Amino acid sequence: MLKKERALLIVNPFAGQRKAKSNLFTVIEILSSKYMLTVHLTESADDAFSTTRELHSEFKTIFCCGGDGTLSQVVNGCADPNDPPTIGYIPCGTANDVATTLRLPKNMATCARKIINAEANPHDVGVFCGDRKLVYVASFGAFTKSSYDTPQAAKNAFGQSAYVLSGAMDLMNIKKIPTEIICDGRKFSFEDVAFLSVCNTKSTGGIVKFPDTKVALNDGRFELLVVRYPTNINMLNDIFAAVSMQIFDSNSENVMLMHGSHFEIKTRENIAWTLDGESAGEHTNVTIDCIRSGVKILY
């Protein structure tokens, strides 16, 4: 009998209307068919990060069961460009943007069965302001705060609808944000940014989706999306059309998409940023660098 490889399973029992907790034994049974598991249920907001930081060197493979925020904490706990870890992600959060991008099944048991036999694929990781790791998106502006301001109780009760309701309320607070951008040496200046994101994903918030031809997950480049403040109905229609039809052009006046590996973003006043759906604090100067193949993910 072959000796099983040891693996760590980190579970957020409160994610996605508590789906992780209700399906935990099934997931453990599936993963245990190949791995000798150590299981840890998170108990606080930063538990996934601190547990991974403490234990990751003992395991070649780390599984995490939760939302995109749980995955981000695990990557932050162990991402090392010189020794990228192998991570298995079993999504059970509210938005699950990373799962959508990786085409991971939303059914936890089905996903567990898929990833135990999957290859470890390289995945780019970002560095936000020199220290925090970015798995799939950093953003500011319209709808940004709704991702981390939406109470967990509302997410558990209403699922994705909680984000929509919170985002609708945020519409009242959309403002023009003067912004300067340097993308791989190219300089851009705007007086009226409504939304900006730097991402490595094909879906953000379940709303903005990019075509496969625009995004590669391990090419050493991230995508920077700029949406300008709509000043009239025609401009608003143009923005909605671009987003809904996934038409993104670097030459567009209202919705611009560009690619790069180094970004410098400056605003005139402190602006609230989100990082992988969680608050990243307020900043006037942000740098984001892409680490090519900074982590390996099973899918």
C-alpha atoms as a PDB file:
ATOM      1  CA  MET A   1       0.000   0.000   0.000  1.00  0.00           C
ATOM      2  CA  LEU A   2       1.409   3.357  -1.091  1.00  0.00           C
ATOM      3  CA  LYS A   3       1.988   5.922   1.614  1.00  0.00           C
ATOM      4  CA  LYS A   4      -0.374   8.870   1.287  1.00  0.00           C
ATOM      5  CA  GLU A   5       0.956  12.383   0.968  1.00  0.00           C
ATOM      6  CA  ARG A   6       0.124  14.690   3.859  1.00  0.00           C
ATOM      7  CA  ALA A   7      -2.107  17.648   3.053  1.00  0.00           C
ATOM      8  CA  LEU A   8      -3.669  20.497   4.986  1.00  0.00           C
ATOM      9  CA  LEU A   9      -7.370  21.342   4.604  1.00  0.00           C
ATOM     10  CA  ILE A  10      -8.452  24.789   5.787  1.00  0.00           C
ATOM     11  CA  VAL A  11     -12.216  25.302   6.024  1.00  0.00           C
ATOM     12  CA  ASN A  12     -14.193  28.509   6.491  1.00  0.00           C
ATOM     13  CA  PRO A  13     -17.384  27.097   8.069  1.00  0.00           C
ATOM     14  CA  PHE A  14     -19.309  30.358   7.579  1.00  0.00           C
ATOM     15  CA  ALA A  15     -18.739  30.783   3.840  1.00  0.00           C
ATOM     16  CA  GLY A  16     -21.534  30.658   1.287  1.00  0.00           C
ATOM     17  CA  GLN A  17     -24.581  30.237   3.507  1.00  0.00           C
ATOM     18  CA  ARG A  18     -22.579  27.754   5.614  1.00  0.00           C
ATOM     19  CA  LYS A  19     -22.268  25.267   2.730  1.00  0.00           C
ATOM     20  CA  ALA A  20     -18.731  24.327   3.796  1.00  0.00           C
ATOM     21  CA  LYS A  21     -19.878  23.132   7.200  1.00  0.00           C
ATOM     22  CA  SER A  22     -22.783  21.093   5.880  1.00  0.00           C
ATOM     23  CA  ASN A  23     -20.666  19.342   3.228  1.00  0.00           C
ATOM     24  CA  LEU A  24     -17.467  18.977   5.219  1.00  0.00           C
ATOM     25  CA  PHE A  25     -17.565  15.244   5.903  1.00  0.00           C
ATOM     26  CA  THR A  26     -18.169  14.440   2.233  1.00  0.00           C
ATOM     27  CA  VAL A  27     -15.216  16.600   1.192  1.00  0.00           C
ATOM     28  CA  ILE A  28     -12.957  15.021   3.825  1.00  0.00           C
ATOM     29  CA  GLU A  29     -13.955  11.530   2.681  1.00  0.00           C
ATOM     30  CA  ILE A  30     -13.096  12.324  -0.945  1.00  0.00           C
ATOM     31  CA  LEU A  31      -9.761  14.009  -0.217  1.00  0.00           C
ATOM     32  CA  SER A  32      -8.788  11.293   2.274  1.00  0.00           C
ATOM     33  CA  SER A  33      -8.893   8.712  -0.503  1.00  0.00           C
ATOM     34  CA  LYS A  34      -5.599  10.181  -1.726  1.00  0.00           C
ATOM     35  CA  TYR A  35      -4.207  12.327   1.104  1.00  0.00           C
ATOM     36  CA  MET A  36      -3.564  12.053   4.816  1.00  0.00           C
ATOM     37  CA  LEU A  37      -5.447  15.158   5.923  1.00  0.00           C
ATOM     38  CA  THR A  38      -4.948  17.622   8.716  1.00  0.00           C
ATOM     39  CA  VAL A  39      -8.183  19.629   8.991  1.00  0.00           C
ATOM     40  CA  HIS A  40      -8.496  23.131  10.434  1.00  0.00           C
ATOM     41  CA  LEU A  41     -11.769  25.097  10.769  1.00  0.00           C
ATOM     42  CA  THR A  42     -11.231  28.841  10.875  1.00  0.00           C
ATOM     43  CA  GLU A  43     -12.478  30.712  13.913  1.00  0.00           C
ATOM     44  CA  SER A  44     -11.725  34.354  13.094  1.00  0.00           C
ATOM     45  CA  ALA A  45     -11.355  36.746  10.169  1.00  0.00           C
ATOM     46  CA  ASP A  46      -7.597  36.198   9.637  1.00  0.00           C
ATOM     47  CA  ASP A  47      -7.411  32.591  10.800  1.00  0.00           C
ATOM     48  CA  ALA A  48      -6.842  31.115   7.339  1.00  0.00           C
ATOM     49  CA  PHE A  49      -3.830  33.399   6.843  1.00  0.00           C
ATOM     50  CA  SER A  50      -2.247  32.803  10.251  1.00  0.00           C
ATOM     51  CA  THR A  51      -2.784  29.041  10.121  1.00  0.00           C
ATOM     52  CA  THR A  52      -1.282  28.780   6.648  1.00  0.00           C
ATOM     53  CA  ARG A  53       1.662  30.951   7.642  1.00  0.00           C
ATOM     54  CA  GLU A  54       2.324  28.700  10.651  1.00  0.00           C
ATOM     55  CA  LEU A  55       1.857  25.292   9.007  1.00  0.00           C
ATOM     56  CA  HIS A  56       2.455  25.578   5.237  1.00  0.00           C
ATOM     57  CA  SER A  57       6.077  24.393   5.365  1.00  0.00           C
ATOM     58  CA  GLU A  58       4.879  21.008   6.692  1.00  0.00           C
ATOM     59  CA  PHE A  59       2.724  20.270   3.629  1.00  0.00           C
ATOM     60  CA  LYS A  60       3.277  20.095  -0.125  1.00  0.00           C
ATOM     61  CA  THR A  61      -0.439  20.554  -0.829  1.00  0.00           C
ATOM     62  CA  ILE A  62      -2.924  22.847   0.891  1.00  0.00           C
ATOM     63  CA  PHE A  63      -6.660  22.628   0.267  1.00  0.00           C
ATOM     64  CA  CYS A  64      -8.983  25.446   1.207  1.00  0.00           C
ATOM     65  CA  CYS A  65     -12.740  25.344   1.391  1.00  0.00           C
ATOM     66  CA  GLY A  66     -14.461  28.727   1.472  1.00  0.00           C
ATOM     67  CA  GLY A  67     -14.857  31.841  -0.637  1.00  0.00           C
ATOM     68  CA  ASP A  68     -12.364  33.806  -2.707  1.00  0.00           C
ATOM     69  CA  GLY A  69     -11.311  35.638   0.450  1.00  0.00           C
ATOM     70  CA  THR A  70     -10.326  32.349   2.098  1.00  0.00           C
ATOM     71  CA  LEU A  71      -8.249  31.404  -0.942  1.00  0.00           C
ATOM     72  CA  SER A  72      -6.571  34.817  -0.872  1.00  0.00           C
ATOM     73  CA  GLN A  73      -5.623  34.378   2.788  1.00  0.00           C
ATOM     74  CA  VAL A  74      -4.105  30.962   2.086  1.00  0.00           C
ATOM     75  CA  VAL A  75      -2.055  32.322  -0.815  1.00  0.00           C
ATOM     76  CA  ASN A  76      -0.914  35.253   1.342  1.00  0.00           C
ATOM     77  CA  GLY A  77       0.109  32.805   4.039  1.00  0.00           C
ATOM     78  CA  CYS A  78       2.425  30.765   1.857  1.00  0.00           C
ATOM     79  CA  ALA A  79       3.083  32.375  -1.537  1.00  0.00           C
ATOM     80  CA  ASP A  80       6.792  32.221  -2.316  1.00  0.00           C
ATOM     81  CA  PRO A  81       8.055  32.905  -5.857  1.00  0.00           C
ATOM     82  CA  ASN A  82      11.047  30.612  -5.241  1.00  0.00           C
ATOM     83  CA  ASP A  83       8.932  27.724  -3.955  1.00  0.00           C
ATOM     84  CA  PRO A  84       5.306  28.132  -5.094  1.00  0.00           C
ATOM     85  CA  PRO A  85       2.890  25.963  -3.129  1.00  0.00           C
ATOM     86  CA  THR A  86       0.231  23.701  -4.618  1.00  0.00           C
ATOM     87  CA  ILE A  87      -3.266  24.770  -3.634  1.00  0.00           C
ATOM     88  CA  GLY A  88      -6.549  22.975  -4.098  1.00  0.00           C
ATOM     89  CA  TYR A  89      -9.566  25.294  -4.012  1.00  0.00           C
ATOM     90  CA  ILE A  90     -13.051  24.034  -3.169  1.00  0.00           C
ATOM     91  CA  PRO A  91     -15.331  27.060  -3.602  1.00  0.00           C
ATOM     92  CA  CYS A  92     -18.343  27.609  -1.392  1.00  0.00           C
ATOM     93  CA  GLY A  93     -18.433  31.389  -1.061  1.00  0.00           C
ATOM     94  CA  THR A  94     -20.900  33.957  -2.361  1.00  0.00           C
ATOM     95  CA  ALA A  95     -19.333  35.281  -5.574  1.00  0.00           C
ATOM     96  CA  ASN A  96     -16.690  32.600  -6.323  1.00  0.00           C
ATOM     97  CA  ASP A  97     -14.986  34.595  -9.088  1.00  0.00           C
ATOM     98  CA  VAL A  98     -11.851  32.436  -9.015  1.00  0.00           C
ATOM     99  CA  ALA A  99     -13.918  29.263  -9.356  1.00  0.00           C
ATOM    100  CA  THR A 100     -15.688  30.753 -12.380  1.00  0.00           C
ATOM    101  CA  THR A 101     -12.364  31.633 -13.970  1.00  0.00           C
ATOM    102  CA  LEU A 102     -10.881  28.179 -13.320  1.00  0.00           C
ATOM    103  CA  ARG A 103     -14.117  26.427 -14.308  1.00  0.00           C
ATOM    104  CA  LEU A 104     -14.277  24.645 -10.982  1.00  0.00           C
ATOM    105  CA  PRO A 105     -17.608  22.968 -10.167  1.00  0.00           C
ATOM    106  CA  LYS A 106     -19.703  24.873  -7.626  1.00  0.00           C
ATOM    107  CA  ASN A 107     -20.835  21.583  -6.096  1.00  0.00           C
ATOM    108  CA  MET A 108     -18.281  20.908  -3.366  1.00  0.00           C
ATOM    109  CA  ALA A 109     -18.169  17.118  -3.711  1.00  0.00           C
ATOM    110  CA  THR A 110     -17.865  17.301  -7.491  1.00  0.00           C
ATOM    111  CA  CYS A 111     -15.080  19.854  -7.172  1.00  0.00           C
ATOM    112  CA  ALA A 112     -13.197  17.752  -4.619  1.00  0.00           C
ATOM    113  CA  ARG A 113     -13.344  14.724  -6.933  1.00  0.00           C
ATOM    114  CA  LYS A 114     -12.068  16.828  -9.825  1.00  0.00           C
ATOM    115  CA  ILE A 115      -9.105  18.490  -8.150  1.00  0.00           C
ATOM    116  CA  ILE A 116      -7.627  15.391  -6.465  1.00  0.00           C
ATOM    117  CA  ASN A 117      -6.885  14.089  -9.971  1.00  0.00           C
ATOM    118  CA  ALA A 118      -6.061  17.444 -11.544  1.00  0.00           C
ATOM    119  CA  GLU A 119      -2.721  18.916 -12.580  1.00  0.00           C
ATOM    120  CA  ALA A 120      -1.114  21.753 -10.642  1.00  0.00           C
ATOM    121  CA  ASN A 121      -1.286  24.722 -13.002  1.00  0.00           C
ATOM    122  CA  PRO A 122       0.885  27.836 -12.567  1.00  0.00           C
ATOM    123  CA  HIS A 123      -1.062  30.958 -11.649  1.00  0.00           C
ATOM    124  CA  ASP A 124       0.229  34.527 -11.540  1.00  0.00           C
ATOM    125  CA  VAL A 125       0.108  36.384  -8.222  1.00  0.00           C
ATOM    126  CA  GLY A 126       0.235  40.123  -7.639  1.00  0.00           C
ATOM    127  CA  VAL A 127       2.033  42.148  -4.980  1.00  0.00           C
ATOM    128  CA  PHE A 128      -0.041  45.059  -3.674  1.00  0.00           C
ATOM    129  CA  CYS A 129       1.951  48.001  -2.288  1.00  0.00           C
ATOM    130  CA  GLY A 130       5.029  45.850  -1.771  1.00  0.00           C
ATOM    131  CA  ASP A 131       3.674  43.302   0.689  1.00  0.00           C
ATOM    132  CA  ARG A 132       0.139  41.899   0.360  1.00  0.00           C
ATOM    133  CA  LYS A 133      -0.507  39.256  -2.290  1.00  0.00           C
ATOM    134  CA  LEU A 134      -3.232  39.662  -4.906  1.00  0.00           C
ATOM    135  CA  VAL A 135      -4.900  36.518  -6.239  1.00  0.00           C
ATOM    136  CA  TYR A 136      -7.508  37.902  -8.612  1.00  0.00           C
ATOM    137  CA  VAL A 137      -8.457  41.573  -8.191  1.00  0.00           C
ATOM    138  CA  ALA A 138      -7.611  44.918  -6.590  1.00  0.00           C
ATOM    139  CA  SER A 139     -10.080  47.729  -7.222  1.00  0.00           C
ATOM    140  CA  PHE A 140     -11.589  51.044  -6.193  1.00  0.00           C
ATOM    141  CA  GLY A 141     -14.664  53.068  -7.091  1.00  0.00           C
ATOM    142  CA  ALA A 142     -18.233  52.055  -7.897  1.00  0.00           C
ATOM    143  CA  PHE A 143     -19.474  48.879  -6.175  1.00  0.00           C
ATOM    144  CA  THR A 144     -16.060  48.252  -4.625  1.00  0.00           C
ATOM    145  CA  LYS A 145     -17.115  48.748  -1.016  1.00  0.00           C
ATOM    146  CA  SER A 146     -20.144  46.462  -1.386  1.00  0.00           C
ATOM    147  CA  SER A 147     -17.877  43.418  -1.564  1.00  0.00           C
ATOM    148  CA  TYR A 148     -16.507  43.876   1.953  1.00  0.00           C
ATOM    149  CA  ASP A 149     -19.228  46.034   3.530  1.00  0.00           C
ATOM    150  CA  THR A 150     -21.956  43.463   2.927  1.00  0.00           C
ATOM    151  CA  PRO A 151     -22.507  41.727   6.304  1.00  0.00           C
ATOM    152  CA  GLN A 152     -21.778  37.999   6.484  1.00  0.00           C
ATOM    153  CA  ALA A 153     -25.311  37.417   7.793  1.00  0.00           C
ATOM    154  CA  ALA A 154     -26.744  39.044   4.652  1.00  0.00           C
ATOM    155  CA  LYS A 155     -24.477  36.936   2.431  1.00  0.00           C
ATOM    156  CA  ASN A 156     -25.604  33.777   4.235  1.00  0.00           C
ATOM    157  CA  ALA A 157     -29.268  34.732   3.928  1.00  0.00           C
ATOM    158  CA  PHE A 158     -29.403  36.138   0.395  1.00  0.00           C
ATOM    159  CA  GLY A 159     -26.263  34.856  -1.366  1.00  0.00           C
ATOM    160  CA  GLN A 160     -25.267  36.786  -4.526  1.00  0.00           C
ATOM    161  CA  SER A 161     -28.370  38.983  -4.174  1.00  0.00           C
ATOM    162  CA  ALA A 162     -26.805  40.566  -1.078  1.00  0.00           C
ATOM    163  CA  TYR A 163     -24.026  41.996  -3.255  1.00  0.00           C
ATOM    164  CA  VAL A 164     -26.553  43.292  -5.793  1.00  0.00           C
ATOM    165  CA  LEU A 165     -28.614  45.017  -3.109  1.00  0.00           C
ATOM    166  CA  SER A 166     -25.541  46.530  -1.500  1.00  0.00           C
ATOM    167  CA  GLY A 167     -24.202  47.612  -4.897  1.00  0.00           C
ATOM    168  CA  ALA A 168     -27.513  49.268  -5.813  1.00  0.00           C
ATOM    169  CA  MET A 169     -27.268  51.352  -2.658  1.00  0.00           C
ATOM    170  CA  ASP A 170     -23.693  52.261  -3.605  1.00  0.00           C
ATOM    171  CA  LEU A 171     -24.932  53.742  -6.910  1.00  0.00           C
ATOM    172  CA  MET A 172     -25.970  56.829  -4.944  1.00  0.00           C
ATOM    173  CA  ASN A 173     -22.341  57.436  -3.969  1.00  0.00           C
ATOM    174  CA  ILE A 174     -20.550  57.063  -7.309  1.00  0.00           C
ATOM    175  CA  LYS A 175     -18.168  59.961  -7.848  1.00  0.00           C
ATOM    176  CA  LYS A 176     -15.482  61.128 -10.245  1.00  0.00           C
ATOM    177  CA  ILE A 177     -11.992  60.162  -9.064  1.00  0.00           C
ATOM    178  CA  PRO A 178      -9.047  62.023 -10.685  1.00  0.00           C
ATOM    179  CA  THR A 179      -6.479  59.297 -11.353  1.00  0.00           C
ATOM    180  CA  GLU A 180      -3.012  58.974 -12.848  1.00  0.00           C
ATOM    181  CA  ILE A 181      -1.888  55.565 -14.118  1.00  0.00           C
ATOM    182  CA  ILE A 182       1.458  54.195 -15.211  1.00  0.00           C
ATOM    183  CA  CYS A 183       1.164  50.800 -16.892  1.00  0.00           C
ATOM    184  CA  ASP A 184       4.540  49.346 -17.855  1.00  0.00           C
ATOM    185  CA  GLY A 185       5.874  52.841 -18.455  1.00  0.00           C
ATOM    186  CA  ARG A 186       2.823  54.125 -20.355  1.00  0.00           C
ATOM    187  CA  LYS A 187       1.183  57.112 -18.670  1.00  0.00           C
ATOM    188  CA  PHE A 188      -2.534  57.888 -18.578  1.00  0.00           C
ATOM    189  CA  SER A 189      -4.453  60.619 -16.795  1.00  0.00           C
ATOM    190  CA  PHE A 190      -8.187  60.810 -16.085  1.00  0.00           C
ATOM    191  CA  GLU A 191     -10.315  63.339 -14.200  1.00  0.00           C
ATOM    192  CA  ASP A 192     -13.392  61.149 -13.998  1.00  0.00           C
ATOM    193  CA  VAL A 193     -12.698  57.508 -13.100  1.00  0.00           C
ATOM    194  CA  ALA A 194     -15.794  55.789 -11.671  1.00  0.00           C
ATOM    195  CA  PHE A 195     -14.255  52.330 -11.321  1.00  0.00           C
ATOM    196  CA  LEU A 196     -10.755  50.850 -11.681  1.00  0.00           C
ATOM    197  CA  SER A 197      -9.522  47.305 -11.232  1.00  0.00           C
ATOM    198  CA  VAL A 198      -6.251  45.442 -11.706  1.00  0.00           C
ATOM    199  CA  CYS A 199      -7.089  41.781 -12.043  1.00  0.00           C
ATOM    200  CA  ASN A 200      -6.105  38.287 -13.120  1.00  0.00           C
ATOM    201  CA  THR A 201      -9.545  36.803 -13.581  1.00  0.00           C
ATOM    202  CA  LYS A 202     -12.287  36.284 -16.137  1.00  0.00           C
ATOM    203  CA  SER A 203     -15.025  37.376 -13.758  1.00  0.00           C
ATOM    204  CA  THR A 204     -15.287  39.975 -10.991  1.00  0.00           C
ATOM    205  CA  GLY A 205     -18.288  40.135  -8.705  1.00  0.00           C
ATOM    206  CA  GLY A 206     -20.223  37.954 -11.105  1.00  0.00           C
ATOM    207  CA  ILE A 207     -20.912  41.139 -13.099  1.00  0.00           C
ATOM    208  CA  VAL A 208     -17.831  42.153 -15.132  1.00  0.00           C
ATOM    209  CA  LYS A 209     -16.672  39.250 -17.279  1.00  0.00           C
ATOM    210  CA  PHE A 210     -13.793  39.132 -19.730  1.00  0.00           C
ATOM    211  CA  PRO A 211     -13.615  36.940 -22.840  1.00  0.00           C
ATOM    212  CA  ASP A 212     -11.051  34.121 -22.815  1.00  0.00           C
ATOM    213  CA  THR A 213      -9.064  35.874 -25.548  1.00  0.00           C
ATOM    214  CA  LYS A 214      -8.366  38.834 -23.242  1.00  0.00           C
ATOM    215  CA  VAL A 215      -7.089  36.982 -20.171  1.00  0.00           C
ATOM    216  CA  ALA A 216      -4.284  34.473 -19.568  1.00  0.00           C
ATOM    217  CA  LEU A 217      -3.730  33.391 -15.978  1.00  0.00           C
ATOM    218  CA  ASN A 218       0.016  32.712 -16.161  1.00  0.00           C
ATOM    219  CA  ASP A 219       1.379  35.093 -18.787  1.00  0.00           C
ATOM    220  CA  GLY A 220       3.083  37.439 -16.336  1.00  0.00           C
ATOM    221  CA  ARG A 221       0.562  40.204 -17.021  1.00  0.00           C
ATOM    222  CA  PHE A 222      -2.536  41.526 -15.292  1.00  0.00           C
ATOM    223  CA  GLU A 223      -5.480  43.359 -16.830  1.00  0.00           C
ATOM    224  CA  LEU A 224      -6.267  46.953 -15.848  1.00  0.00           C
ATOM    225  CA  LEU A 225      -9.866  48.054 -16.417  1.00  0.00           C
ATOM    226  CA  VAL A 226     -10.922  51.704 -16.255  1.00  0.00           C
ATOM    227  CA  VAL A 227     -14.570  52.783 -16.369  1.00  0.00           C
ATOM    228  CA  ARG A 228     -15.174  56.515 -16.622  1.00  0.00           C
ATOM    229  CA  TYR A 229     -17.957  58.417 -14.879  1.00  0.00           C
ATOM    230  CA  PRO A 230     -21.085  58.546 -17.106  1.00  0.00           C
ATOM    231  CA  THR A 231     -22.179  62.142 -17.661  1.00  0.00           C
ATOM    232  CA  ASN A 232     -25.105  61.433 -19.984  1.00  0.00           C
ATOM    233  CA  ILE A 233     -27.426  58.612 -21.037  1.00  0.00           C
ATOM    234  CA  ASN A 234     -25.472  57.829 -24.200  1.00  0.00           C
ATOM    235  CA  MET A 235     -22.250  57.390 -22.243  1.00  0.00           C
ATOM    236  CA  LEU A 236     -24.070  55.215 -19.700  1.00  0.00           C
ATOM    237  CA  ASN A 237     -25.497  53.033 -22.493  1.00  0.00           C
ATOM    238  CA  ASP A 238     -22.023  52.689 -24.001  1.00  0.00           C
ATOM    239  CA  ILE A 239     -20.607  51.514 -20.680  1.00  0.00           C
ATOM    240  CA  PHE A 240     -23.406  49.006 -20.093  1.00  0.00           C
ATOM    241  CA  ALA A 241     -23.042  47.681 -23.646  1.00  0.00           C
ATOM    242  CA  ALA A 242     -19.273  47.233 -23.297  1.00  0.00           C
ATOM    243  CA  VAL A 243     -19.624  45.367 -19.996  1.00  0.00           C
ATOM    244  CA  SER A 244     -22.617  43.200 -20.947  1.00  0.00           C
ATOM    245  CA  MET A 245     -21.260  42.293 -24.399  1.00  0.00           C
ATOM    246  CA  GLN A 246     -17.657  41.902 -23.133  1.00  0.00           C
ATOM    247  CA  ILE A 247     -16.348  44.448 -25.610  1.00  0.00           C
ATOM    248  CA  PHE A 248     -13.184  45.918 -24.153  1.00  0.00           C
ATOM    249  CA  ASP A 249     -10.911  48.137 -26.246  1.00  0.00           C
ATOM    250  CA  SER A 250      -7.795  49.984 -25.102  1.00  0.00           C
ATOM    251  CA  ASN A 251      -8.844  52.835 -27.424  1.00  0.00           C
ATOM    252  CA  SER A 252     -12.351  53.189 -26.012  1.00  0.00           C
ATOM    253  CA  GLU A 253     -13.161  56.545 -24.421  1.00  0.00           C
ATOM    254  CA  ASN A 254     -15.405  55.158 -21.693  1.00  0.00           C
ATOM    255  CA  VAL A 255     -14.280  51.600 -20.885  1.00  0.00           C
ATOM    256  CA  MET A 256     -10.574  50.916 -21.315  1.00  0.00           C
ATOM    257  CA  LEU A 257      -8.725  47.620 -20.883  1.00  0.00           C
ATOM    258  CA  MET A 258      -4.935  47.401 -20.875  1.00  0.00           C
ATOM    259  CA  HIS A 259      -2.386  44.745 -19.936  1.00  0.00           C
ATOM    260  CA  GLY A 260       0.825  45.033 -17.947  1.00  0.00           C
ATOM    261  CA  SER A 261       3.087  43.629 -15.251  1.00  0.00           C
ATOM    262  CA  HIS A 262       3.795  46.833 -13.280  1.00  0.00           C
ATOM    263  CA  PHE A 263       1.228  49.436 -12.309  1.00  0.00           C
ATOM    264  CA  GLU A 264       1.479  52.719 -10.445  1.00  0.00           C
ATOM    265  CA  ILE A 265      -1.856  54.313  -9.590  1.00  0.00           C
ATOM    266  CA  LYS A 266      -2.191  57.728  -7.970  1.00  0.00           C
ATOM    267  CA  THR A 267      -5.291  59.567  -6.782  1.00  0.00           C
ATOM    268  CA  ARG A 268      -5.548  63.080  -5.350  1.00  0.00           C
ATOM    269  CA  GLU A 269      -7.243  61.936  -2.178  1.00  0.00           C
ATOM    270  CA  ASN A 270      -7.354  58.796  -0.078  1.00  0.00           C
ATOM    271  CA  ILE A 271      -9.470  56.188  -1.858  1.00  0.00           C
ATOM    272  CA  ALA A 272     -10.792  52.941  -0.380  1.00  0.00           C
ATOM    273  CA  TRP A 273      -9.365  49.886  -2.172  1.00  0.00           C
ATOM    274  CA  THR A 274     -10.462  46.269  -2.050  1.00  0.00           C
ATOM    275  CA  LEU A 275      -8.110  43.335  -2.419  1.00  0.00           C
ATOM    276  CA  ASP A 276      -9.673  39.999  -3.415  1.00  0.00           C
ATOM    277  CA  GLY A 277     -13.011  41.203  -2.079  1.00  0.00           C
ATOM    278  CA  GLU A 278     -11.688  42.401   1.275  1.00  0.00           C
ATOM    279  CA  SER A 279     -10.838  45.906   2.477  1.00  0.00           C
ATOM    280  CA  ALA A 280      -7.275  46.993   1.643  1.00  0.00           C
ATOM    281  CA  GLY A 281      -7.520  50.358   3.383  1.00  0.00           C
ATOM    282  CA  GLU A 282      -7.357  53.846   1.897  1.00  0.00           C
ATOM    283  CA  HIS A 283      -4.491  54.952  -0.347  1.00  0.00           C
ATOM    284  CA  THR A 284      -3.375  57.762  -2.625  1.00  0.00           C
ATOM    285  CA  ASN A 285      -0.434  55.840  -4.132  1.00  0.00           C
ATOM    286  CA  VAL A 286      -0.677  52.170  -5.032  1.00  0.00           C
ATOM    287  CA  THR A 287       1.809  49.904  -6.787  1.00  0.00           C
ATOM    288  CA  ILE A 288       0.940  46.466  -8.132  1.00  0.00           C
ATOM    289  CA  ASP A 289       3.479  44.028  -9.574  1.00  0.00           C
ATOM    290  CA  CYS A 290       2.814  40.673 -11.187  1.00  0.00           C
ATOM    291  CA  ILE A 291       4.802  37.606 -10.099  1.00  0.00           C
ATOM    292  CA  ARG A 292       4.620  35.122 -12.924  1.00  0.00           C
ATOM    293  CA  SER A 293       3.534  31.643 -11.753  1.00  0.00           C
ATOM    294  CA  GLY A 294       3.687  32.726  -8.116  1.00  0.00           C
ATOM    295  CA  VAL A 295       1.424  29.867  -7.030  1.00  0.00           C
ATOM    296  CA  LYS A 296       0.186  26.519  -8.366  1.00  0.00           C
ATOM    297  CA  ILE A 297      -3.533  25.677  -8.334  1.00  0.00           C
ATOM    298  CA  LEU A 298      -5.189  22.315  -8.947  1.00  0.00           C
ATOM    299  CA  TYR A 299      -7.868  22.469 -11.647  1.00  0.00           C
END
